[in-house]
Protein backbone atom coordinates (compact mmCIF):
# COMPACT_ATOMS: atom_id res chain seq x y z
CA UNK A 1 0.00 0.00 0.00
CA UNK A 2 1.23 3.47 -0.84
CA UNK A 3 1.94 5.85 2.04
CA UNK A 4 1.69 9.62 1.64
CA UNK A 5 2.48 12.28 4.24
CA UNK A 6 0.72 15.65 3.90
CA UNK A 7 1.98 18.43 6.17
CA UNK A 8 -0.03 21.65 6.34
CA UNK A 9 -1.37 23.81 9.16
CA UNK A 10 -4.45 24.74 7.11
CA UNK A 11 -7.36 22.38 8.00
CA UNK A 12 -8.97 23.06 4.60
CA UNK A 13 -5.89 21.76 2.76
CA UNK A 14 -5.76 18.64 4.93
CA UNK A 15 -9.47 17.98 4.26
CA UNK A 16 -8.86 18.47 0.54
CA UNK A 17 -6.21 15.73 0.55
CA UNK A 18 -8.45 13.45 2.62
CA UNK A 19 -11.17 13.79 -0.05
CA UNK A 20 -8.68 13.46 -2.89
CA UNK A 21 -7.38 10.10 -1.63
CA UNK A 22 -10.65 8.72 -0.19
CA UNK A 23 -11.35 5.24 -1.49
CA UNK A 24 -7.83 4.81 -2.90
CA UNK A 25 -5.34 2.23 -1.60
CA UNK A 26 -3.29 4.91 0.15
CA UNK A 27 -2.27 5.16 3.78
CA UNK A 28 -2.62 8.92 4.22
CA UNK A 29 -0.82 10.47 7.18
CA UNK A 30 -1.62 14.07 8.08
CA UNK A 31 0.42 16.51 10.17
CA UNK A 32 -0.08 20.18 10.98
CA UNK A 33 3.34 20.99 12.44
CA UNK A 34 6.95 20.38 11.57
CA UNK A 35 7.55 18.41 14.75
CA UNK A 36 4.64 16.09 13.91
CA UNK A 37 6.01 15.63 10.40
CA UNK A 38 9.47 14.78 11.71
CA UNK A 39 8.04 12.22 14.14
CA UNK A 40 5.98 10.51 11.42
CA UNK A 41 8.96 10.53 9.05
CA UNK A 42 11.11 8.74 11.66
CA UNK A 43 8.40 6.15 12.26
CA UNK A 44 7.36 5.34 8.68
CA UNK A 45 8.59 5.07 5.12
CA UNK A 46 6.67 7.36 2.74
CA UNK A 47 6.28 7.10 -1.01
CA UNK A 48 5.55 10.81 -1.24
CA UNK A 49 5.64 13.84 1.05
CA UNK A 50 3.64 17.00 0.39
CA UNK A 51 4.93 19.77 2.66
CA UNK A 52 3.63 23.29 3.25
CA UNK A 53 6.39 25.90 3.27
CA UNK A 54 5.05 27.90 6.22
CA UNK A 55 4.26 25.92 9.34
CA UNK A 56 3.68 27.27 12.84
CA UNK A 57 6.94 25.88 14.22
CA UNK A 58 9.27 25.62 11.23
CA UNK A 59 9.82 26.24 7.53
CA UNK A 60 8.81 23.28 5.37
CA UNK A 61 11.86 23.52 3.13
CA UNK A 62 14.16 23.17 6.15
CA UNK A 63 12.29 20.05 7.26
CA UNK A 64 12.50 18.54 3.78
CA UNK A 65 16.22 19.27 3.56
CA UNK A 66 16.74 17.25 6.74
CA UNK A 67 14.49 14.47 5.49
CA UNK A 68 16.40 14.26 2.20
CA UNK A 69 19.68 13.95 4.12
CA UNK A 70 18.25 10.91 5.93
CA UNK A 71 16.61 9.42 2.82
CA UNK A 72 18.16 10.84 -0.36
CA UNK A 73 15.63 9.10 -2.61
CA UNK A 74 12.61 10.55 -0.81
CA UNK A 75 10.17 12.12 -3.27
CA UNK A 76 8.78 15.40 -1.92
CA UNK A 77 6.68 18.31 -3.12
CA UNK A 78 6.76 21.73 -1.45
CA UNK A 79 3.46 23.62 -1.33
CA UNK A 80 3.11 27.33 -0.69
CA UNK A 81 0.51 30.05 -0.65
CA UNK A 82 3.25 32.62 -1.21
CA UNK A 83 4.79 31.78 -4.59
CA UNK A 84 8.23 33.13 -5.32
CA UNK A 85 10.23 32.29 -8.43
CA UNK A 86 13.52 32.26 -6.52
CA UNK A 87 12.03 29.70 -4.12
CA UNK A 88 11.16 27.46 -7.05
CA UNK A 89 14.77 27.48 -8.24
CA UNK A 90 16.00 26.81 -4.69
CA UNK A 91 13.55 23.93 -4.25
CA UNK A 92 14.72 22.25 -7.45
CA UNK A 93 18.35 22.69 -6.42
CA UNK A 94 17.59 21.10 -3.06
CA UNK A 95 16.43 17.97 -4.87
CA UNK A 96 12.69 18.27 -4.38
CA UNK A 97 10.43 16.84 -7.03
CA UNK A 98 8.01 19.73 -7.45
CA UNK A 99 6.72 23.04 -6.14
CA UNK A 100 2.98 23.75 -6.03
CA UNK A 101 1.17 26.98 -5.26
CA UNK A 102 -1.94 27.18 -3.12
CA UNK A 103 -4.82 27.53 -3.24
CA UNK A 104 -5.17 24.68 -5.70
CA UNK A 105 -7.35 26.13 -8.44
CA UNK A 106 -7.08 23.08 -10.68
CA UNK A 107 -7.24 19.74 -8.90
CA UNK A 108 -6.17 17.95 -12.08
CA UNK A 109 -2.77 19.65 -11.85
CA UNK A 110 -2.49 18.60 -8.19
CA UNK A 111 -3.50 15.03 -9.00
CA UNK A 112 -1.04 14.92 -11.91
CA UNK A 113 1.81 16.14 -9.66
CA UNK A 114 0.96 13.46 -7.08
CA UNK A 115 0.82 10.74 -9.75
CA UNK A 116 4.15 11.82 -11.23
CA UNK A 117 5.69 11.89 -7.75
CA UNK A 118 4.44 8.37 -7.04
CA UNK A 119 5.75 7.19 -10.43
CA UNK A 120 9.17 8.62 -9.59
CA UNK A 121 9.08 6.86 -6.22
CA UNK A 122 8.28 3.55 -7.96
CA UNK A 123 11.23 4.08 -10.31
CA UNK A 124 13.59 4.88 -7.41
CA UNK A 125 12.46 1.81 -5.48
CA UNK A 126 12.77 -0.48 -8.50
CA UNK A 127 16.25 0.87 -9.24
CA UNK A 128 17.27 0.24 -5.62
CA UNK A 129 15.83 -3.29 -5.74
CA UNK A 130 17.72 -4.08 -8.94
CA UNK A 131 20.93 -2.58 -7.54
CA UNK A 132 20.60 -4.65 -4.35
CA UNK A 133 19.98 -7.81 -6.39
CA UNK A 134 23.02 -7.11 -8.55
CA UNK A 135 25.21 -6.44 -5.50
CA UNK A 136 24.11 -9.73 -3.88
CA UNK A 137 24.91 -11.64 -7.07
CA UNK A 138 28.33 -10.02 -7.28
CA UNK A 139 29.04 -10.86 -3.63
CA UNK A 140 27.97 -14.47 -4.18
CA UNK A 141 30.11 -14.88 -7.27
CA UNK A 142 33.16 -13.48 -5.50
CA UNK A 143 32.94 -15.88 -2.53
CA UNK A 144 35.70 -18.51 -2.60
CA UNK A 145 34.44 -22.03 -3.24
CA UNK A 146 35.62 -24.97 -1.16
């Protein structure tokens, strides 16, 4: 089952994501603070993280930077109600997958960003699985035989 973390202090945005994923095979985890997000991130492996930039206790980009240090392949999208072109460039440089502006006027764009993020996560996980399989085969073939 896919697991998505949505972090936003706006109850409307959290409700929007609950409705968006209702009835889908997704374990949706919601957080309204940076500290909650960090706790959930330590406890679980997420296929996708959607993070608000402005939270009551921390900046979302700072949280995501720390998360990406712990899990470099983590797919994450930064959301903001205060769009800034320089932030977009910074987000991409930090290794985030996408940058979305709120309010979401077109849910199809939001859904497409989520689907693309999940597709990227599947590709990362498959690449890791193949790499691990290859490494195991190489280790096995290099073991001395008796």
